Amino acid sequence: MSSAPAASVLFVCVHNAGRSQMAAGFLRHLAGDRVEVRSAGSLPGDQVNPAAVAAMAELGIDISDQKPKVLTTEAVQASDYVITMGCGDACPYFPGKKYLDWVLEDPAGQGVEAVRPIRDEIKELIENLIAEIDAQPEE
């Protein structure tokens, strides 16, 4: 049995401070080392949204050590799945990648009460993504 990850996933949103960080946190938590996880932003912010950090902490997932990262062509090339969350056309396109666009409300500037439903929607999307990855035939 190979120890290589089953897939690599890149989450992209504008600031890489809320949605993409929560998605990456869920995927790391739920899939462990079975999936390689990256996140980035087309215009990364200065820090991860404190309300997103607080909402994830409520579920026992710590994303407080994460930092927004700039989206690079290399990150897209190295990923099997590229999941965008409201970054428009900023994401470079490469054939052979699976692109998904998740339409999610932007948690920027909102309190934890407003972020919880976004977090819960992301968790459901991540659970479906893991099921899809797990269903892929091994190469």
N, C-alpha and C. Protein backbone atom coordinates (compact mmCIF):
# COMPACT_ATOMS: atom_id res chain seq x y z
N MET A 1 0.84 -1.19 0.00
CA MET A 1 0.00 0.00 0.00
C MET A 1 0.88 1.24 0.00
N SER A 2 0.55 2.16 -0.87
CA SER A 2 1.33 3.39 -1.02
C SER A 2 0.97 4.38 0.08
N SER A 3 1.96 5.17 0.50
CA SER A 3 1.69 6.18 1.52
C SER A 3 1.44 7.54 0.87
N ALA A 4 1.42 7.59 -0.45
CA ALA A 4 1.16 8.85 -1.14
C ALA A 4 -0.30 9.25 -0.93
N PRO A 5 -0.55 10.57 -0.84
CA PRO A 5 -1.94 11.02 -0.68
C PRO A 5 -2.80 10.57 -1.85
N ALA A 6 -4.08 10.33 -1.59
CA ALA A 6 -5.02 9.91 -2.63
C ALA A 6 -5.27 11.03 -3.63
N ALA A 7 -5.16 12.26 -3.16
CA ALA A 7 -5.40 13.42 -4.02
C ALA A 7 -4.79 14.65 -3.37
N SER A 8 -4.62 15.69 -4.17
CA SER A 8 -4.20 16.98 -3.63
C SER A 8 -5.29 17.99 -4.00
N VAL A 9 -5.63 18.84 -3.02
CA VAL A 9 -6.73 19.78 -3.18
C VAL A 9 -6.22 21.19 -2.85
N LEU A 10 -6.59 22.13 -3.72
CA LEU A 10 -6.26 23.54 -3.51
C LEU A 10 -7.57 24.31 -3.37
N PHE A 11 -7.73 25.02 -2.25
CA PHE A 11 -8.88 25.88 -2.03
C PHE A 11 -8.47 27.32 -2.30
N VAL A 12 -9.27 28.03 -3.10
CA VAL A 12 -8.94 29.39 -3.48
C VAL A 12 -10.12 30.32 -3.20
N CYS A 13 -9.85 31.40 -2.46
CA CYS A 13 -10.80 32.51 -2.37
C CYS A 13 -10.00 33.80 -2.46
N VAL A 14 -10.65 34.93 -2.45
CA VAL A 14 -9.94 36.18 -2.72
C VAL A 14 -8.86 36.45 -1.66
N HIS A 15 -9.25 36.48 -0.39
CA HIS A 15 -8.31 36.87 0.66
C HIS A 15 -7.63 35.70 1.37
N ASN A 16 -8.06 34.46 1.10
CA ASN A 16 -7.51 33.27 1.76
C ASN A 16 -7.53 33.48 3.27
N ALA A 17 -8.63 34.05 3.76
CA ALA A 17 -8.72 34.38 5.18
C ALA A 17 -9.93 33.76 5.86
N GLY A 18 -10.90 33.26 5.10
CA GLY A 18 -12.12 32.74 5.70
C GLY A 18 -12.53 31.40 5.13
N ARG A 19 -13.26 31.44 4.01
CA ARG A 19 -13.82 30.22 3.43
C ARG A 19 -12.76 29.18 3.10
N SER A 20 -11.72 29.59 2.38
CA SER A 20 -10.69 28.63 1.97
C SER A 20 -9.93 28.08 3.16
N GLN A 21 -9.72 28.91 4.19
CA GLN A 21 -9.02 28.44 5.39
C GLN A 21 -9.90 27.44 6.17
N MET A 22 -11.21 27.71 6.26
CA MET A 22 -12.10 26.77 6.94
C MET A 22 -12.16 25.45 6.18
N ALA A 23 -12.25 25.53 4.84
CA ALA A 23 -12.30 24.32 4.02
C ALA A 23 -11.02 23.49 4.19
N ALA A 24 -9.88 24.16 4.15
CA ALA A 24 -8.60 23.45 4.33
C ALA A 24 -8.53 22.82 5.72
N GLY A 25 -8.99 23.55 6.73
CA GLY A 25 -8.98 23.01 8.10
C GLY A 25 -9.84 21.77 8.22
N PHE A 26 -11.04 21.81 7.63
CA PHE A 26 -11.93 20.64 7.66
C PHE A 26 -11.30 19.46 6.93
N LEU A 27 -10.73 19.71 5.75
CA LEU A 27 -10.17 18.61 4.97
C LEU A 27 -8.98 17.98 5.70
N ARG A 28 -8.11 18.81 6.27
CA ARG A 28 -6.99 18.25 7.04
C ARG A 28 -7.50 17.42 8.22
N HIS A 29 -8.52 17.93 8.90
CA HIS A 29 -9.07 17.27 10.09
C HIS A 29 -9.77 15.96 9.73
N LEU A 30 -10.57 15.98 8.67
CA LEU A 30 -11.41 14.82 8.34
C LEU A 30 -10.70 13.77 7.48
N ALA A 31 -9.75 14.19 6.65
CA ALA A 31 -9.08 13.25 5.76
C ALA A 31 -7.68 12.89 6.23
N GLY A 32 -7.15 13.65 7.19
CA GLY A 32 -5.80 13.35 7.67
C GLY A 32 -4.79 13.46 6.54
N ASP A 33 -3.84 12.53 6.54
CA ASP A 33 -2.78 12.60 5.52
C ASP A 33 -3.17 11.88 4.23
N ARG A 34 -4.43 11.45 4.12
CA ARG A 34 -4.88 10.80 2.88
C ARG A 34 -4.99 11.81 1.74
N VAL A 35 -5.13 13.09 2.08
CA VAL A 35 -5.28 14.13 1.06
C VAL A 35 -4.29 15.26 1.37
N GLU A 36 -3.60 15.71 0.33
CA GLU A 36 -2.70 16.86 0.46
C GLU A 36 -3.54 18.13 0.32
N VAL A 37 -3.40 19.06 1.26
CA VAL A 37 -4.27 20.23 1.32
C VAL A 37 -3.46 21.52 1.13
N ARG A 38 -3.97 22.39 0.25
CA ARG A 38 -3.38 23.72 0.06
C ARG A 38 -4.52 24.73 0.06
N SER A 39 -4.20 25.97 0.40
CA SER A 39 -5.16 27.05 0.22
C SER A 39 -4.39 28.30 -0.16
N ALA A 40 -5.07 29.19 -0.89
CA ALA A 40 -4.42 30.41 -1.36
C ALA A 40 -5.48 31.43 -1.74
N GLY A 41 -5.02 32.66 -1.94
CA GLY A 41 -5.94 33.73 -2.33
C GLY A 41 -5.38 34.56 -3.46
N SER A 42 -6.29 35.11 -4.28
CA SER A 42 -5.85 35.96 -5.38
C SER A 42 -5.34 37.30 -4.86
N LEU A 43 -5.89 37.78 -3.74
CA LEU A 43 -5.42 38.99 -3.06
C LEU A 43 -5.39 38.68 -1.56
N PRO A 44 -4.39 37.92 -1.09
CA PRO A 44 -4.42 37.44 0.30
C PRO A 44 -4.48 38.57 1.33
N GLY A 45 -5.22 38.32 2.38
CA GLY A 45 -5.34 39.27 3.48
C GLY A 45 -4.13 39.22 4.39
N ASP A 46 -4.19 39.99 5.47
CA ASP A 46 -3.10 40.05 6.43
C ASP A 46 -3.14 38.91 7.44
N GLN A 47 -4.36 38.43 7.73
CA GLN A 47 -4.52 37.37 8.73
C GLN A 47 -5.79 36.59 8.44
N VAL A 48 -5.89 35.41 9.03
CA VAL A 48 -7.11 34.62 8.92
C VAL A 48 -8.20 35.32 9.73
N ASN A 49 -9.40 35.33 9.19
CA ASN A 49 -10.56 35.97 9.82
C ASN A 49 -10.76 35.41 11.24
N PRO A 50 -10.69 36.27 12.27
CA PRO A 50 -10.85 35.79 13.64
C PRO A 50 -12.18 35.07 13.89
N ALA A 51 -13.24 35.49 13.19
CA ALA A 51 -14.53 34.82 13.36
C ALA A 51 -14.48 33.40 12.76
N ALA A 52 -13.74 33.22 11.68
CA ALA A 52 -13.56 31.88 11.09
C ALA A 52 -12.76 31.00 12.05
N VAL A 53 -11.71 31.57 12.63
CA VAL A 53 -10.90 30.82 13.61
C VAL A 53 -11.78 30.39 14.79
N ALA A 54 -12.60 31.32 15.30
CA ALA A 54 -13.47 31.03 16.44
C ALA A 54 -14.52 29.98 16.09
N ALA A 55 -15.12 30.09 14.90
CA ALA A 55 -16.15 29.13 14.49
C ALA A 55 -15.57 27.73 14.35
N MET A 56 -14.37 27.62 13.82
CA MET A 56 -13.72 26.31 13.68
C MET A 56 -13.33 25.75 15.05
N ALA A 57 -12.86 26.62 15.93
CA ALA A 57 -12.46 26.18 17.28
C ALA A 57 -13.64 25.57 18.03
N GLU A 58 -14.85 26.06 17.75
CA GLU A 58 -16.04 25.49 18.37
C GLU A 58 -16.20 24.00 18.05
N LEU A 59 -15.64 23.58 16.91
CA LEU A 59 -15.71 22.18 16.50
C LEU A 59 -14.41 21.43 16.79
N GLY A 60 -13.51 22.08 17.52
CA GLY A 60 -12.26 21.43 17.89
C GLY A 60 -11.21 21.43 16.79
N ILE A 61 -11.34 22.33 15.82
CA ILE A 61 -10.38 22.42 14.72
C ILE A 61 -9.66 23.76 14.83
N ASP A 62 -8.34 23.69 15.01
CA ASP A 62 -7.53 24.90 15.22
C ASP A 62 -6.91 25.35 13.90
N ILE A 63 -7.35 26.51 13.40
CA ILE A 63 -6.73 27.08 12.20
C ILE A 63 -6.02 28.39 12.54
N SER A 64 -5.80 28.63 13.83
CA SER A 64 -5.22 29.91 14.27
C SER A 64 -3.77 30.09 13.81
N ASP A 65 -3.09 28.99 13.47
CA ASP A 65 -1.69 29.10 13.05
C ASP A 65 -1.55 29.29 11.54
N GLN A 66 -2.66 29.35 10.82
CA GLN A 66 -2.61 29.50 9.37
C GLN A 66 -2.41 30.96 8.97
N LYS A 67 -1.79 31.17 7.83
CA LYS A 67 -1.56 32.51 7.30
C LYS A 67 -2.07 32.55 5.86
N PRO A 68 -2.72 33.65 5.46
CA PRO A 68 -3.12 33.77 4.05
C PRO A 68 -1.90 33.70 3.13
N LYS A 69 -2.07 32.97 2.02
CA LYS A 69 -0.99 32.77 1.06
C LYS A 69 -1.45 33.22 -0.32
N VAL A 70 -0.51 33.68 -1.12
CA VAL A 70 -0.83 34.13 -2.47
C VAL A 70 -0.98 32.92 -3.40
N LEU A 71 -1.94 33.02 -4.28
CA LEU A 71 -2.19 31.97 -5.27
C LEU A 71 -1.07 31.97 -6.29
N THR A 72 -0.48 30.79 -6.52
CA THR A 72 0.58 30.67 -7.52
C THR A 72 0.19 29.64 -8.57
N THR A 73 0.74 29.81 -9.74
CA THR A 73 0.53 28.85 -10.83
C THR A 73 1.01 27.47 -10.39
N GLU A 74 2.11 27.43 -9.63
CA GLU A 74 2.67 26.15 -9.18
C GLU A 74 1.70 25.40 -8.27
N ALA A 75 1.00 26.13 -7.39
CA ALA A 75 0.04 25.48 -6.50
C ALA A 75 -1.09 24.84 -7.29
N VAL A 76 -1.54 25.53 -8.35
CA VAL A 76 -2.60 24.97 -9.19
C VAL A 76 -2.08 23.74 -9.93
N GLN A 77 -0.89 23.84 -10.50
CA GLN A 77 -0.32 22.72 -11.25
C GLN A 77 -0.13 21.49 -10.37
N ALA A 78 0.17 21.69 -9.09
CA ALA A 78 0.46 20.58 -8.19
C ALA A 78 -0.80 19.96 -7.58
N SER A 79 -1.97 20.47 -7.92
CA SER A 79 -3.21 20.01 -7.30
C SER A 79 -4.08 19.23 -8.27
N ASP A 80 -4.77 18.20 -7.76
CA ASP A 80 -5.72 17.42 -8.56
C ASP A 80 -7.06 18.14 -8.63
N TYR A 81 -7.46 18.73 -7.50
CA TYR A 81 -8.72 19.46 -7.40
C TYR A 81 -8.40 20.92 -7.12
N VAL A 82 -9.07 21.83 -7.83
CA VAL A 82 -8.95 23.26 -7.57
C VAL A 82 -10.37 23.73 -7.26
N ILE A 83 -10.58 24.14 -6.01
CA ILE A 83 -11.92 24.54 -5.57
C ILE A 83 -11.92 26.03 -5.30
N THR A 84 -12.69 26.76 -6.11
CA THR A 84 -12.76 28.20 -5.98
C THR A 84 -13.99 28.60 -5.18
N MET A 85 -13.87 29.70 -4.48
CA MET A 85 -14.94 30.21 -3.62
C MET A 85 -15.04 31.71 -3.84
N GLY A 86 -15.57 32.10 -4.97
CA GLY A 86 -15.77 33.52 -5.22
C GLY A 86 -14.53 34.27 -5.64
N CYS A 87 -13.57 33.62 -6.31
CA CYS A 87 -12.39 34.37 -6.76
C CYS A 87 -12.50 34.75 -8.22
N GLY A 88 -13.63 34.51 -8.84
CA GLY A 88 -13.83 34.93 -10.22
C GLY A 88 -12.86 34.27 -11.17
N ASP A 89 -12.29 35.05 -12.06
CA ASP A 89 -11.40 34.51 -13.09
C ASP A 89 -9.94 34.58 -12.69
N ALA A 90 -9.65 34.82 -11.42
CA ALA A 90 -8.26 35.00 -10.99
C ALA A 90 -7.49 33.68 -10.98
N CYS A 91 -8.18 32.56 -11.04
CA CYS A 91 -7.53 31.26 -10.92
C CYS A 91 -7.03 30.78 -12.29
N PRO A 92 -5.73 30.47 -12.41
CA PRO A 92 -5.23 29.96 -13.68
C PRO A 92 -5.85 28.59 -13.99
N TYR A 93 -6.03 28.30 -15.26
CA TYR A 93 -6.66 27.05 -15.67
C TYR A 93 -5.63 26.13 -16.30
N PHE A 94 -5.63 24.88 -15.87
CA PHE A 94 -4.77 23.87 -16.48
C PHE A 94 -5.62 22.65 -16.82
N PRO A 95 -5.49 22.11 -18.02
CA PRO A 95 -6.24 20.90 -18.37
C PRO A 95 -5.86 19.75 -17.44
N GLY A 96 -6.79 18.87 -17.21
CA GLY A 96 -6.52 17.69 -16.40
C GLY A 96 -6.80 17.87 -14.91
N LYS A 97 -7.12 19.09 -14.51
CA LYS A 97 -7.47 19.35 -13.11
C LYS A 97 -8.98 19.31 -12.99
N LYS A 98 -9.47 18.96 -11.82
CA LYS A 98 -10.91 19.01 -11.58
C LYS A 98 -11.20 20.34 -10.88
N TYR A 99 -11.97 21.19 -11.55
CA TYR A 99 -12.32 22.50 -11.01
C TYR A 99 -13.74 22.46 -10.46
N LEU A 100 -13.90 22.93 -9.24
CA LEU A 100 -15.22 23.05 -8.62
C LEU A 100 -15.35 24.49 -8.13
N ASP A 101 -16.53 25.07 -8.29
CA ASP A 101 -16.78 26.40 -7.77
C ASP A 101 -17.86 26.30 -6.71
N TRP A 102 -17.49 26.56 -5.47
CA TRP A 102 -18.43 26.51 -4.36
C TRP A 102 -18.92 27.92 -4.09
N VAL A 103 -20.22 28.14 -4.26
CA VAL A 103 -20.81 29.45 -4.03
C VAL A 103 -21.16 29.55 -2.54
N LEU A 104 -20.36 30.33 -1.83
CA LEU A 104 -20.51 30.48 -0.38
C LEU A 104 -20.50 31.96 -0.03
N GLU A 105 -21.28 32.34 0.95
CA GLU A 105 -21.27 33.72 1.42
C GLU A 105 -19.88 34.05 1.96
N ASP A 106 -19.46 35.28 1.75
CA ASP A 106 -18.15 35.72 2.24
C ASP A 106 -18.27 36.10 3.72
N PRO A 107 -17.50 35.46 4.59
CA PRO A 107 -17.59 35.76 6.02
C PRO A 107 -16.83 37.02 6.44
N ALA A 108 -16.17 37.70 5.51
CA ALA A 108 -15.37 38.88 5.86
C ALA A 108 -16.21 39.91 6.59
N GLY A 109 -15.68 40.38 7.71
CA GLY A 109 -16.33 41.43 8.48
C GLY A 109 -17.54 41.00 9.29
N GLN A 110 -17.82 39.71 9.31
CA GLN A 110 -18.99 39.22 10.04
C GLN A 110 -18.55 38.57 11.35
N GLY A 111 -19.47 38.53 12.30
CA GLY A 111 -19.21 37.88 13.58
C GLY A 111 -19.36 36.37 13.49
N VAL A 112 -18.99 35.70 14.56
CA VAL A 112 -19.01 34.23 14.57
C VAL A 112 -20.42 33.68 14.34
N GLU A 113 -21.46 34.40 14.79
CA GLU A 113 -22.83 33.92 14.59
C GLU A 113 -23.15 33.81 13.11
N ALA A 114 -22.67 34.77 12.31
CA ALA A 114 -22.91 34.77 10.87
C ALA A 114 -22.01 33.76 10.15
N VAL A 115 -20.86 33.46 10.75
CA VAL A 115 -19.90 32.55 10.11
C VAL A 115 -20.31 31.09 10.31
N ARG A 116 -20.99 30.77 11.40
CA ARG A 116 -21.36 29.37 11.68
C ARG A 116 -22.09 28.68 10.53
N PRO A 117 -23.14 29.30 9.94
CA PRO A 117 -23.81 28.60 8.83
C PRO A 117 -22.91 28.39 7.62
N ILE A 118 -22.00 29.33 7.36
CA ILE A 118 -21.04 29.18 6.26
C ILE A 118 -20.12 28.01 6.58
N ARG A 119 -19.63 27.97 7.80
CA ARG A 119 -18.75 26.87 8.26
C ARG A 119 -19.46 25.53 8.08
N ASP A 120 -20.72 25.46 8.49
CA ASP A 120 -21.45 24.19 8.41
C ASP A 120 -21.68 23.76 6.97
N GLU A 121 -21.91 24.73 6.08
CA GLU A 121 -22.07 24.42 4.66
C GLU A 121 -20.76 23.90 4.09
N ILE A 122 -19.65 24.52 4.48
CA ILE A 122 -18.33 24.07 4.03
C ILE A 122 -18.06 22.65 4.50
N LYS A 123 -18.41 22.34 5.76
CA LYS A 123 -18.19 20.99 6.29
C LYS A 123 -18.91 19.95 5.45
N GLU A 124 -20.16 20.24 5.07
CA GLU A 124 -20.93 19.31 4.24
C GLU A 124 -20.28 19.13 2.87
N LEU A 125 -19.81 20.22 2.26
CA LEU A 125 -19.13 20.14 0.97
C LEU A 125 -17.85 19.31 1.08
N ILE A 126 -17.12 19.49 2.18
CA ILE A 126 -15.87 18.73 2.39
C ILE A 126 -16.16 17.24 2.55
N GLU A 127 -17.20 16.91 3.32
CA GLU A 127 -17.56 15.49 3.50
C GLU A 127 -17.90 14.86 2.14
N ASN A 128 -18.62 15.59 1.28
CA ASN A 128 -18.94 15.08 -0.06
C ASN A 128 -17.68 14.94 -0.91
N LEU A 129 -16.76 15.90 -0.79
CA LEU A 129 -15.51 15.85 -1.54
C LEU A 129 -14.69 14.62 -1.12
N ILE A 130 -14.59 14.37 0.18
CA ILE A 130 -13.83 13.21 0.66
C ILE A 130 -14.45 11.92 0.11
N ALA A 131 -15.78 11.84 0.12
CA ALA A 131 -16.46 10.65 -0.44
C ALA A 131 -16.11 10.48 -1.92
N GLU A 132 -16.07 11.59 -2.66
CA GLU A 132 -15.73 11.54 -4.08
C GLU A 132 -14.29 11.07 -4.28
N ILE A 133 -13.37 11.63 -3.49
CA ILE A 133 -11.96 11.22 -3.59
C ILE A 133 -11.81 9.75 -3.24
N ASP A 134 -12.47 9.32 -2.17
CA ASP A 134 -12.37 7.93 -1.74
C ASP A 134 -12.95 6.96 -2.78
N ALA A 135 -13.89 7.44 -3.58
CA ALA A 135 -14.53 6.59 -4.59
C ALA A 135 -13.68 6.45 -5.87
N GLN A 136 -12.64 7.27 -5.99
CA GLN A 136 -11.80 7.23 -7.18
C GLN A 136 -11.01 5.92 -7.22
N PRO A 137 -10.92 5.31 -8.38
CA PRO A 137 -10.09 4.09 -8.48
C PRO A 137 -8.62 4.44 -8.27
N GLU A 138 -7.91 3.56 -7.61
CA GLU A 138 -6.47 3.80 -7.40
C GLU A 138 -5.73 3.59 -8.70
N GLU A 139 -4.76 4.47 -8.94
CA GLU A 139 -3.99 4.37 -10.20
C GLU A 139 -2.81 3.47 -10.03
